[in-house]
Amino acid sequence: MAGGPDGQANPDAPQLPVRARALADGKLLYMAVPSLADERPFILIDPARLDVPPRRAASITARRVPGGGLALGELQPVDLVVCGSVAVNREGPRLGKG
């Protein structure tokens, strides 16, 4: 896990192809549980440890993948964050979902 995970994405369905592609490309992935509802709301998905195809591992059911249950303070720096939005303005702030 040298250098920490490569990216973080939320579990929403529209980001599924991005998460699956990251895993297929061998990237480590943090994924938040829906609504960040757990005390330890992130899971780490390591493509080297998968026993299912990347698309299935990247699905919302991936919460069952071993290696989950991380608190915000346990996350390592990431290279890319993917989050959903309704729209963004030219300065970058997003509209929608939280």
PDB file of N, CA and C in Angstrom:
ATOM      1  N   MET A   1       0.818  -1.175   0.000  1.00  0.00           N
ATOM      2  CA  MET A   1       0.000   0.000   0.000  1.00  0.00           C
ATOM      3  C   MET A   1       0.872   1.252   0.000  1.00  0.00           C
ATOM      4  N   ALA A   2       2.010   1.151  -0.582  1.00  0.00           N
ATOM      5  CA  ALA A   2       2.929   2.281  -0.624  1.00  0.00           C
ATOM      6  C   ALA A   2       2.270   3.490  -1.252  1.00  0.00           C
ATOM      7  N   GLY A   3       2.371   4.623  -0.589  1.00  0.00           N
ATOM      8  CA  GLY A   3       1.805   5.839  -1.120  1.00  0.00           C
ATOM      9  C   GLY A   3       0.331   6.013  -0.833  1.00  0.00           C
ATOM     10  N   GLY A   4      -0.307   5.027  -0.261  1.00  0.00           N
ATOM     11  CA  GLY A   4      -1.723   5.135   0.069  1.00  0.00           C
ATOM     12  C   GLY A   4      -2.607   4.839  -1.113  1.00  0.00           C
ATOM     13  N   PRO A   5      -3.908   4.784  -0.871  1.00  0.00           N
ATOM     14  CA  PRO A   5      -4.849   4.495  -1.939  1.00  0.00           C
ATOM     15  C   PRO A   5      -4.824   5.543  -3.038  1.00  0.00           C
ATOM     16  N   ASP A   6      -5.260   5.107  -4.212  1.00  0.00           N
ATOM     17  CA  ASP A   6      -5.232   5.964  -5.379  1.00  0.00           C
ATOM     18  C   ASP A   6      -6.462   6.848  -5.497  1.00  0.00           C
ATOM     19  N   GLY A   7      -7.568   6.461  -4.886  1.00  0.00           N
ATOM     20  CA  GLY A   7      -8.762   7.271  -5.047  1.00  0.00           C
ATOM     21  C   GLY A   7      -9.840   6.964  -4.040  1.00  0.00           C
ATOM     22  N   GLN A   8     -10.816   7.850  -3.997  1.00  0.00           N
ATOM     23  CA  GLN A   8     -11.971   7.689  -3.130  1.00  0.00           C
ATOM     24  C   GLN A   8     -13.192   8.027  -3.949  1.00  0.00           C
ATOM     25  N   ALA A   9     -14.265   7.231  -3.784  1.00  0.00           N
ATOM     26  CA  ALA A   9     -15.513   7.481  -4.496  1.00  0.00           C
ATOM     27  C   ALA A   9     -16.683   7.134  -3.607  1.00  0.00           C
ATOM     28  N   ASN A  10     -17.800   7.798  -3.854  1.00  0.00           N
ATOM     29  CA  ASN A  10     -18.991   7.458  -3.087  1.00  0.00           C
ATOM     30  C   ASN A  10     -19.652   6.224  -3.700  1.00  0.00           C
ATOM     31  N   PRO A  11     -20.595   5.600  -2.991  1.00  0.00           N
ATOM     32  CA  PRO A  11     -21.171   4.348  -3.479  1.00  0.00           C
ATOM     33  C   PRO A  11     -22.340   4.515  -4.439  1.00  0.00           C
ATOM     34  N   ASP A  12     -22.633   5.729  -4.882  1.00  0.00           N
ATOM     35  CA  ASP A  12     -23.767   5.939  -5.768  1.00  0.00           C
ATOM     36  C   ASP A  12     -23.590   5.204  -7.092  1.00  0.00           C
ATOM     37  N   ALA A  13     -24.705   4.753  -7.648  1.00  0.00           N
ATOM     38  CA  ALA A  13     -24.700   3.984  -8.893  1.00  0.00           C
ATOM     39  C   ALA A  13     -24.029   4.705 -10.067  1.00  0.00           C
ATOM     40  N   PRO A  14     -24.209   6.014 -10.253  1.00  0.00           N
ATOM     41  CA  PRO A  14     -23.558   6.656 -11.401  1.00  0.00           C
ATOM     42  C   PRO A  14     -22.030   6.578 -11.381  1.00  0.00           C
ATOM     43  N   GLN A  15     -21.429   6.403 -10.201  1.00  0.00           N
ATOM     44  CA  GLN A  15     -19.971   6.299 -10.119  1.00  0.00           C
ATOM     45  C   GLN A  15     -19.473   4.862 -10.248  1.00  0.00           C
ATOM     46  N   LEU A  16     -20.378   3.894 -10.368  1.00  0.00           N
ATOM     47  CA  LEU A  16     -19.975   2.488 -10.466  1.00  0.00           C
ATOM     48  C   LEU A  16     -18.956   2.248 -11.579  1.00  0.00           C
ATOM     49  N   PRO A  17     -19.158   2.754 -12.797  1.00  0.00           N
ATOM     50  CA  PRO A  17     -18.150   2.517 -13.846  1.00  0.00           C
ATOM     51  C   PRO A  17     -16.774   3.086 -13.503  1.00  0.00           C
ATOM     52  N   VAL A  18     -16.736   4.227 -12.821  1.00  0.00           N
ATOM     53  CA  VAL A  18     -15.453   4.830 -12.434  1.00  0.00           C
ATOM     54  C   VAL A  18     -14.755   3.946 -11.401  1.00  0.00           C
ATOM     55  N   ARG A  19     -15.515   3.488 -10.393  1.00  0.00           N
ATOM     56  CA  ARG A  19     -14.928   2.615  -9.371  1.00  0.00           C
ATOM     57  C   ARG A  19     -14.441   1.308  -9.991  1.00  0.00           C
ATOM     58  N   ALA A  20     -15.254   0.713 -10.861  1.00  0.00           N
ATOM     59  CA  ALA A  20     -14.875  -0.553 -11.499  1.00  0.00           C
ATOM     60  C   ALA A  20     -13.619  -0.377 -12.346  1.00  0.00           C
ATOM     61  N   ARG A  21     -13.537   0.724 -13.070  1.00  0.00           N
ATOM     62  CA  ARG A  21     -12.367   0.976 -13.911  1.00  0.00           C
ATOM     63  C   ARG A  21     -11.113   1.157 -13.066  1.00  0.00           C
ATOM     64  N   ALA A  22     -11.238   1.887 -11.950  1.00  0.00           N
ATOM     65  CA  ALA A  22     -10.090   2.081 -11.064  1.00  0.00           C
ATOM     66  C   ALA A  22      -9.583   0.734 -10.556  1.00  0.00           C
ATOM     67  N   LEU A  23     -10.488  -0.136 -10.137  1.00  0.00           N
ATOM     68  CA  LEU A  23     -10.074  -1.457  -9.651  1.00  0.00           C
ATOM     69  C   LEU A  23      -9.490  -2.295 -10.773  1.00  0.00           C
ATOM     70  N   ALA A  24     -10.101  -2.257 -11.953  1.00  0.00           N
ATOM     71  CA  ALA A  24      -9.582  -3.018 -13.098  1.00  0.00           C
ATOM     72  C   ALA A  24      -8.183  -2.548 -13.484  1.00  0.00           C
ATOM     73  N   ASP A  25      -7.906  -1.265 -13.252  1.00  0.00           N
ATOM     74  CA  ASP A  25      -6.582  -0.707 -13.546  1.00  0.00           C
ATOM     75  C   ASP A  25      -5.595  -0.910 -12.404  1.00  0.00           C
ATOM     76  N   GLY A  26      -6.015  -1.647 -11.367  1.00  0.00           N
ATOM     77  CA  GLY A  26      -5.112  -1.964 -10.273  1.00  0.00           C
ATOM     78  C   GLY A  26      -4.992  -0.891  -9.206  1.00  0.00           C
ATOM     79  N   LYS A  27      -5.933   0.040  -9.162  1.00  0.00           N
ATOM     80  CA  LYS A  27      -5.882   1.128  -8.185  1.00  0.00           C
ATOM     81  C   LYS A  27      -6.558   0.715  -6.887  1.00  0.00           C
ATOM     82  N   LEU A  28      -5.983   1.110  -5.764  1.00  0.00           N
ATOM     83  CA  LEU A  28      -6.642   0.950  -4.475  1.00  0.00           C
ATOM     84  C   LEU A  28      -7.778   1.957  -4.408  1.00  0.00           C
ATOM     85  N   LEU A  29      -8.859   1.590  -3.728  1.00  0.00           N
ATOM     86  CA  LEU A  29     -10.041   2.435  -3.724  1.00  0.00           C
ATOM     87  C   LEU A  29     -10.666   2.501  -2.339  1.00  0.00           C
ATOM     88  N   TYR A  30     -10.914   3.708  -1.863  1.00  0.00           N
ATOM     89  CA  TYR A  30     -11.741   3.909  -0.671  1.00  0.00           C
ATOM     90  C   TYR A  30     -13.160   4.157  -1.167  1.00  0.00           C
ATOM     91  N   MET A  31     -14.127   3.565  -0.502  1.00  0.00           N
ATOM     92  CA  MET A  31     -15.515   3.855  -0.825  1.00  0.00           C
ATOM     93  C   MET A  31     -16.265   4.129   0.463  1.00  0.00           C
ATOM     94  N   ALA A  32     -17.062   5.195   0.461  1.00  0.00           N
ATOM     95  CA  ALA A  32     -17.869   5.540   1.626  1.00  0.00           C
ATOM     96  C   ALA A  32     -19.111   4.661   1.661  1.00  0.00           C
ATOM     97  N   VAL A  33     -19.554   4.314   2.849  1.00  0.00           N
ATOM     98  CA  VAL A  33     -20.821   3.584   2.964  1.00  0.00           C
ATOM     99  C   VAL A  33     -21.947   4.582   2.728  1.00  0.00           C
ATOM    100  N   PRO A  34     -23.122   4.112   2.301  1.00  0.00           N
ATOM    101  CA  PRO A  34     -24.223   5.037   2.018  1.00  0.00           C
ATOM    102  C   PRO A  34     -24.518   5.970   3.200  1.00  0.00           C
ATOM    103  N   SER A  35     -24.651   7.229   2.895  1.00  0.00           N
ATOM    104  CA  SER A  35     -24.967   8.286   3.860  1.00  0.00           C
ATOM    105  C   SER A  35     -23.908   8.444   4.952  1.00  0.00           C
ATOM    106  N   LEU A  36     -22.750   7.862   4.786  1.00  0.00           N
ATOM    107  CA  LEU A  36     -21.693   7.898   5.797  1.00  0.00           C
ATOM    108  C   LEU A  36     -22.275   7.542   7.165  1.00  0.00           C
ATOM    109  N   ALA A  37     -23.163   6.547   7.177  1.00  0.00           N
ATOM    110  CA  ALA A  37     -23.976   6.237   8.355  1.00  0.00           C
ATOM    111  C   ALA A  37     -23.244   5.455   9.442  1.00  0.00           C
ATOM    112  N   ASP A  38     -22.139   4.850   9.158  1.00  0.00           N
ATOM    113  CA  ASP A  38     -21.431   4.058  10.157  1.00  0.00           C
ATOM    114  C   ASP A  38     -20.387   4.897  10.885  1.00  0.00           C
ATOM    115  N   GLU A  39     -19.999   4.426  12.070  1.00  0.00           N
ATOM    116  CA  GLU A  39     -18.952   5.103  12.832  1.00  0.00           C
ATOM    117  C   GLU A  39     -17.624   5.039  12.078  1.00  0.00           C
ATOM    118  N   ARG A  40     -17.413   3.977  11.348  1.00  0.00           N
ATOM    119  CA  ARG A  40     -16.224   3.792  10.516  1.00  0.00           C
ATOM    120  C   ARG A  40     -16.730   3.675   9.078  1.00  0.00           C
ATOM    121  N   PRO A  41     -16.996   4.820   8.417  1.00  0.00           N
ATOM    122  CA  PRO A  41     -17.790   4.827   7.197  1.00  0.00           C
ATOM    123  C   PRO A  41     -17.071   4.578   5.875  1.00  0.00           C
ATOM    124  N   PHE A  42     -15.838   4.148   5.913  1.00  0.00           N
ATOM    125  CA  PHE A  42     -15.124   3.914   4.656  1.00  0.00           C
ATOM    126  C   PHE A  42     -14.645   2.478   4.575  1.00  0.00           C
ATOM    127  N   ILE A  43     -14.637   1.951   3.362  1.00  0.00           N
ATOM    128  CA  ILE A  43     -14.025   0.642   3.127  1.00  0.00           C
ATOM    129  C   ILE A  43     -12.876   0.839   2.153  1.00  0.00           C
ATOM    130  N   LEU A  44     -11.871   0.024   2.285  1.00  0.00           N
ATOM    131  CA  LEU A  44     -10.747   0.020   1.368  1.00  0.00           C
ATOM    132  C   LEU A  44     -10.883  -1.217   0.504  1.00  0.00           C
ATOM    133  N   ILE A  45     -10.913  -1.021  -0.798  1.00  0.00           N
ATOM    134  CA  ILE A  45     -10.995  -2.134  -1.736  1.00  0.00           C
ATOM    135  C   ILE A  45      -9.656  -2.226  -2.456  1.00  0.00           C
ATOM    136  N   ASP A  46      -8.975  -3.327  -2.242  1.00  0.00           N
ATOM    137  CA  ASP A  46      -7.659  -3.570  -2.837  1.00  0.00           C
ATOM    138  C   ASP A  46      -7.843  -4.551  -3.984  1.00  0.00           C
ATOM    139  N   PRO A  47      -7.570  -4.138  -5.231  1.00  0.00           N
ATOM    140  CA  PRO A  47      -7.789  -5.033  -6.365  1.00  0.00           C
ATOM    141  C   PRO A  47      -6.937  -6.302  -6.310  1.00  0.00           C
ATOM    142  N   ALA A  48      -5.829  -6.256  -5.597  1.00  0.00           N
ATOM    143  CA  ALA A  48      -4.970  -7.435  -5.482  1.00  0.00           C
ATOM    144  C   ALA A  48      -5.592  -8.501  -4.580  1.00  0.00           C
ATOM    145  N   ARG A  49      -6.615  -8.123  -3.787  1.00  0.00           N
ATOM    146  CA  ARG A  49      -7.223  -9.061  -2.848  1.00  0.00           C
ATOM    147  C   ARG A  49      -8.644  -9.471  -3.250  1.00  0.00           C
ATOM    148  N   LEU A  50      -9.082  -9.084  -4.441  1.00  0.00           N
ATOM    149  CA  LEU A  50     -10.453  -9.372  -4.853  1.00  0.00           C
ATOM    150  C   LEU A  50     -10.625 -10.834  -5.253  1.00  0.00           C
ATOM    151  N   ASP A  51     -11.778 -11.388  -4.903  1.00  0.00           N
ATOM    152  CA  ASP A  51     -12.125 -12.726  -5.371  1.00  0.00           C
ATOM    153  C   ASP A  51     -13.376 -12.670  -6.238  1.00  0.00           C
ATOM    154  N   VAL A  52     -13.759 -11.444  -6.636  1.00  0.00           N
ATOM    155  CA  VAL A  52     -14.870 -11.205  -7.553  1.00  0.00           C
ATOM    156  C   VAL A  52     -14.382 -10.215  -8.608  1.00  0.00           C
ATOM    157  N   PRO A  53     -15.075 -10.113  -9.747  1.00  0.00           N
ATOM    158  CA  PRO A  53     -14.667  -9.141 -10.769  1.00  0.00           C
ATOM    159  C   PRO A  53     -14.734  -7.706 -10.237  1.00  0.00           C
ATOM    160  N   PRO A  54     -13.914  -6.799 -10.789  1.00  0.00           N
ATOM    161  CA  PRO A  54     -13.894  -5.414 -10.326  1.00  0.00           C
ATOM    162  C   PRO A  54     -15.269  -4.742 -10.295  1.00  0.00           C
ATOM    163  N   ARG A  55     -16.100  -4.997 -11.296  1.00  0.00           N
ATOM    164  CA  ARG A  55     -17.417  -4.349 -11.315  1.00  0.00           C
ATOM    165  C   ARG A  55     -18.262  -4.780 -10.111  1.00  0.00           C
ATOM    166  N   ARG A  56     -18.186  -6.036  -9.764  1.00  0.00           N
ATOM    167  CA  ARG A  56     -18.958  -6.505  -8.601  1.00  0.00           C
ATOM    168  C   ARG A  56     -18.362  -5.945  -7.307  1.00  0.00           C
ATOM    169  N   ALA A  57     -17.046  -5.932  -7.208  1.00  0.00           N
ATOM    170  CA  ALA A  57     -16.388  -5.398  -6.004  1.00  0.00           C
ATOM    171  C   ALA A  57     -16.683  -3.921  -5.830  1.00  0.00           C
ATOM    172  N   ALA A  58     -16.897  -3.204  -6.931  1.00  0.00           N
ATOM    173  CA  ALA A  58     -17.145  -1.767  -6.895  1.00  0.00           C
ATOM    174  C   ALA A  58     -18.603  -1.432  -6.615  1.00  0.00           C
ATOM    175  N   SER A  59     -19.454  -2.442  -6.532  1.00  0.00           N
ATOM    176  CA  SER A  59     -20.878  -2.197  -6.304  1.00  0.00           C
ATOM    177  C   SER A  59     -21.138  -1.845  -4.847  1.00  0.00           C
ATOM    178  N   ILE A  60     -22.348  -1.427  -4.570  1.00  0.00           N
ATOM    179  CA  ILE A  60     -22.717  -1.040  -3.213  1.00  0.00           C
ATOM    180  C   ILE A  60     -22.599  -2.218  -2.248  1.00  0.00           C
ATOM    181  N   THR A  61     -22.680  -3.436  -2.752  1.00  0.00           N
ATOM    182  CA  THR A  61     -22.535  -4.611  -1.893  1.00  0.00           C
ATOM    183  C   THR A  61     -21.081  -4.847  -1.499  1.00  0.00           C
ATOM    184  N   ALA A  62     -20.181  -4.020  -2.012  1.00  0.00           N
ATOM    185  CA  ALA A  62     -18.762  -4.166  -1.683  1.00  0.00           C
ATOM    186  C   ALA A  62     -18.479  -3.920  -0.219  1.00  0.00           C
ATOM    187  N   ARG A  63     -19.454  -3.403   0.500  1.00  0.00           N
ATOM    188  CA  ARG A  63     -19.242  -3.191   1.943  1.00  0.00           C
ATOM    189  C   ARG A  63     -18.853  -4.480   2.634  1.00  0.00           C
ATOM    190  N   ARG A  64     -19.122  -5.595   2.006  1.00  0.00           N
ATOM    191  CA  ARG A  64     -18.795  -6.888   2.602  1.00  0.00           C
ATOM    192  C   ARG A  64     -17.385  -7.356   2.254  1.00  0.00           C
ATOM    193  N   VAL A  65     -16.664  -6.575   1.460  1.00  0.00           N
ATOM    194  CA  VAL A  65     -15.306  -6.942   1.069  1.00  0.00           C
ATOM    195  C   VAL A  65     -14.386  -6.813   2.281  1.00  0.00           C
ATOM    196  N   PRO A  66     -13.548  -7.825   2.567  1.00  0.00           N
ATOM    197  CA  PRO A  66     -12.624  -7.732   3.708  1.00  0.00           C
ATOM    198  C   PRO A  66     -11.746  -6.483   3.596  1.00  0.00           C
ATOM    199  N   GLY A  67     -11.448  -5.882   4.719  1.00  0.00           N
ATOM    200  CA  GLY A  67     -10.586  -4.705   4.723  1.00  0.00           C
ATOM    201  C   GLY A  67     -11.358  -3.428   4.971  1.00  0.00           C
ATOM    202  N   GLY A  68     -12.660  -3.522   5.241  1.00  0.00           N
ATOM    203  CA  GLY A  68     -13.484  -2.338   5.428  1.00  0.00           C
ATOM    204  C   GLY A  68     -13.464  -1.835   6.851  1.00  0.00           C
ATOM    205  N   GLY A  69     -14.296  -0.852   7.102  1.00  0.00           N
ATOM    206  CA  GLY A  69     -14.444  -0.331   8.442  1.00  0.00           C
ATOM    207  C   GLY A  69     -13.357   0.628   8.870  1.00  0.00           C
ATOM    208  N   LEU A  70     -13.149   1.704   8.116  1.00  0.00           N
ATOM    209  CA  LEU A  70     -12.127   2.685   8.461  1.00  0.00           C
ATOM    210  C   LEU A  70     -12.773   4.011   8.842  1.00  0.00           C
ATOM    211  N   ALA A  71     -12.234   4.652   9.856  1.00  0.00           N
ATOM    212  CA  ALA A  71     -12.671   5.987  10.243  1.00  0.00           C
ATOM    213  C   ALA A  71     -11.921   7.019   9.405  1.00  0.00           C
ATOM    214  N   LEU A  72     -12.449   8.221   9.359  1.00  0.00           N
ATOM    215  CA  LEU A  72     -11.839   9.279   8.557  1.00  0.00           C
ATOM    216  C   LEU A  72     -10.359   9.461   8.884  1.00  0.00           C
ATOM    217  N   GLY A  73     -10.006   9.425  10.155  1.00  0.00           N
ATOM    218  CA  GLY A  73      -8.618   9.611  10.560  1.00  0.00           C
ATOM    219  C   GLY A  73      -7.679   8.492  10.144  1.00  0.00           C
ATOM    220  N   GLU A  74      -8.222   7.370   9.709  1.00  0.00           N
ATOM    221  CA  GLU A  74      -7.404   6.237   9.283  1.00  0.00           C
ATOM    222  C   GLU A  74      -7.111   6.242   7.786  1.00  0.00           C
ATOM    223  N   LEU A  75      -7.731   7.151   7.038  1.00  0.00           N
ATOM    224  CA  LEU A  75      -7.523   7.194   5.599  1.00  0.00           C
ATOM    225  C   LEU A  75      -6.153   7.770   5.274  1.00  0.00           C
ATOM    226  N   GLN A  76      -5.523   7.212   4.269  1.00  0.00           N
ATOM    227  CA  GLN A  76      -4.252   7.718   3.764  1.00  0.00           C
ATOM    228  C   GLN A  76      -4.544   8.757   2.680  1.00  0.00           C
ATOM    229  N   PRO A  77      -3.582   9.610   2.336  1.00  0.00           N
ATOM    230  CA  PRO A  77      -3.804  10.567   1.240  1.00  0.00           C
ATOM    231  C   PRO A  77      -4.181   9.833  -0.052  1.00  0.00           C
ATOM    232  N   VAL A  78      -5.031  10.459  -0.846  1.00  0.00           N
ATOM    233  CA  VAL A  78      -5.474   9.865  -2.107  1.00  0.00           C
ATOM    234  C   VAL A  78      -5.087  10.761  -3.276  1.00  0.00           C
ATOM    235  N   ASP A  79      -5.059  10.173  -4.462  1.00  0.00           N
ATOM    236  CA  ASP A  79      -4.712  10.911  -5.672  1.00  0.00           C
ATOM    237  C   ASP A  79      -5.925  11.551  -6.345  1.00  0.00           C
ATOM    238  N   LEU A  80      -7.117  10.968  -6.126  1.00  0.00           N
ATOM    239  CA  LEU A  80      -8.303  11.436  -6.829  1.00  0.00           C
ATOM    240  C   LEU A  80      -9.540  11.164  -5.992  1.00  0.00           C
ATOM    241  N   VAL A  81     -10.474  12.108  -5.952  1.00  0.00           N
ATOM    242  CA  VAL A  81     -11.753  11.938  -5.278  1.00  0.00           C
ATOM    243  C   VAL A  81     -12.850  12.083  -6.327  1.00  0.00           C
ATOM    244  N   VAL A  82     -13.775  11.130  -6.350  1.00  0.00           N
ATOM    245  CA  VAL A  82     -14.916  11.186  -7.259  1.00  0.00           C
ATOM    246  C   VAL A  82     -16.168  11.336  -6.422  1.00  0.00           C
ATOM    247  N   CYS A  83     -16.954  12.360  -6.692  1.00  0.00           N
ATOM    248  CA  CYS A  83     -18.206  12.552  -5.958  1.00  0.00           C
ATOM    249  C   CYS A  83     -19.285  13.006  -6.925  1.00  0.00           C
ATOM    250  N   GLY A  84     -20.507  12.623  -6.622  1.00  0.00           N
ATOM    251  CA  GLY A  84     -21.630  12.989  -7.469  1.00  0.00           C
ATOM    252  C   GLY A  84     -22.089  14.406  -7.199  1.00  0.00           C
ATOM    253  N   SER A  85     -22.752  14.989  -8.180  1.00  0.00           N
ATOM    254  CA  SER A  85     -23.330  16.315  -8.012  1.00  0.00           C
ATOM    255  C   SER A  85     -24.416  16.507  -9.067  1.00  0.00           C
ATOM    256  N   VAL A  86     -25.275  17.479  -8.822  1.00  0.00           N
ATOM    257  CA  VAL A  86     -26.275  17.846  -9.809  1.00  0.00           C
ATOM    258  C   VAL A  86     -25.617  18.776 -10.824  1.00  0.00           C
ATOM    259  N   ALA A  87     -24.811  19.696 -10.313  1.00  0.00           N
ATOM    260  CA  ALA A  87     -24.116  20.654 -11.165  1.00  0.00           C
ATOM    261  C   ALA A  87     -22.978  21.287 -10.376  1.00  0.00           C
ATOM    262  N   VAL A  88     -22.036  21.898 -11.078  1.00  0.00           N
ATOM    263  CA  VAL A  88     -20.968  22.664 -10.448  1.00  0.00           C
ATOM    264  C   VAL A  88     -20.881  24.015 -11.146  1.00  0.00           C
ATOM    265  N   ASN A  89     -20.374  25.023 -10.430  1.00  0.00           N
ATOM    266  CA  ASN A  89     -20.185  26.301 -11.109  1.00  0.00           C
ATOM    267  C   ASN A  89     -18.737  26.400 -11.584  1.00  0.00           C
ATOM    268  N   ARG A  90     -18.372  27.469 -12.207  1.00  0.00           N
ATOM    269  CA  ARG A  90     -17.023  27.598 -12.786  1.00  0.00           C
ATOM    270  C   ARG A  90     -15.921  27.631 -11.736  1.00  0.00           C
ATOM    271  N   GLU A  91     -16.266  27.980 -10.495  1.00  0.00           N
ATOM    272  CA  GLU A  91     -15.280  27.998  -9.417  1.00  0.00           C
ATOM    273  C   GLU A  91     -15.146  26.632  -8.747  1.00  0.00           C
ATOM    274  N   GLY A  92     -16.041  25.692  -9.034  1.00  0.00           N
ATOM    275  CA  GLY A  92     -15.919  24.347  -8.506  1.00  0.00           C
ATOM    276  C   GLY A  92     -16.937  23.893  -7.472  1.00  0.00           C
ATOM    277  N   PRO A  93     -17.567  24.792  -6.685  1.00  0.00           N
ATOM    278  CA  PRO A  93     -18.555  24.299  -5.727  1.00  0.00           C
ATOM    279  C   PRO A  93     -19.676  23.532  -6.425  1.00  0.00           C
ATOM    280  N   ARG A  94     -20.149  22.515  -5.793  1.00  0.00           N
ATOM    281  CA  ARG A  94     -21.170  21.673  -6.405  1.00  0.00           C
ATOM    282  C   ARG A  94     -22.529  21.905  -5.776  1.00  0.00           C
ATOM    283  N   LEU A  95     -23.552  21.530  -6.500  1.00  0.00           N
ATOM    284  CA  LEU A  95     -24.931  21.604  -6.033  1.00  0.00           C
ATOM    285  C   LEU A  95     -25.458  20.192  -5.878  1.00  0.00           C
ATOM    286  N   GLY A  96     -26.330  19.998  -4.912  1.00  0.00           N
ATOM    287  CA  GLY A  96     -26.989  18.705  -4.765  1.00  0.00           C
ATOM    288  C   GLY A  96     -26.341  17.840  -3.737  1.00  0.00           C
ATOM    289  N   LYS A  97     -27.062  16.819  -3.316  1.00  0.00           N
ATOM    290  CA  LYS A  97     -26.624  15.768  -2.403  1.00  0.00           C
ATOM    291  C   LYS A  97     -25.651  16.216  -1.323  1.00  0.00           C
ATOM    292  N   GLY A  98     -26.123  16.846  -0.321  1.00  0.00           N
ATOM    293  CA  GLY A  98     -25.323  17.136   0.857  1.00  0.00           C
ATOM    294  C   GLY A  98     -24.401  18.280   0.820  1.00  0.00           C
TER     295      GLY A  98
END
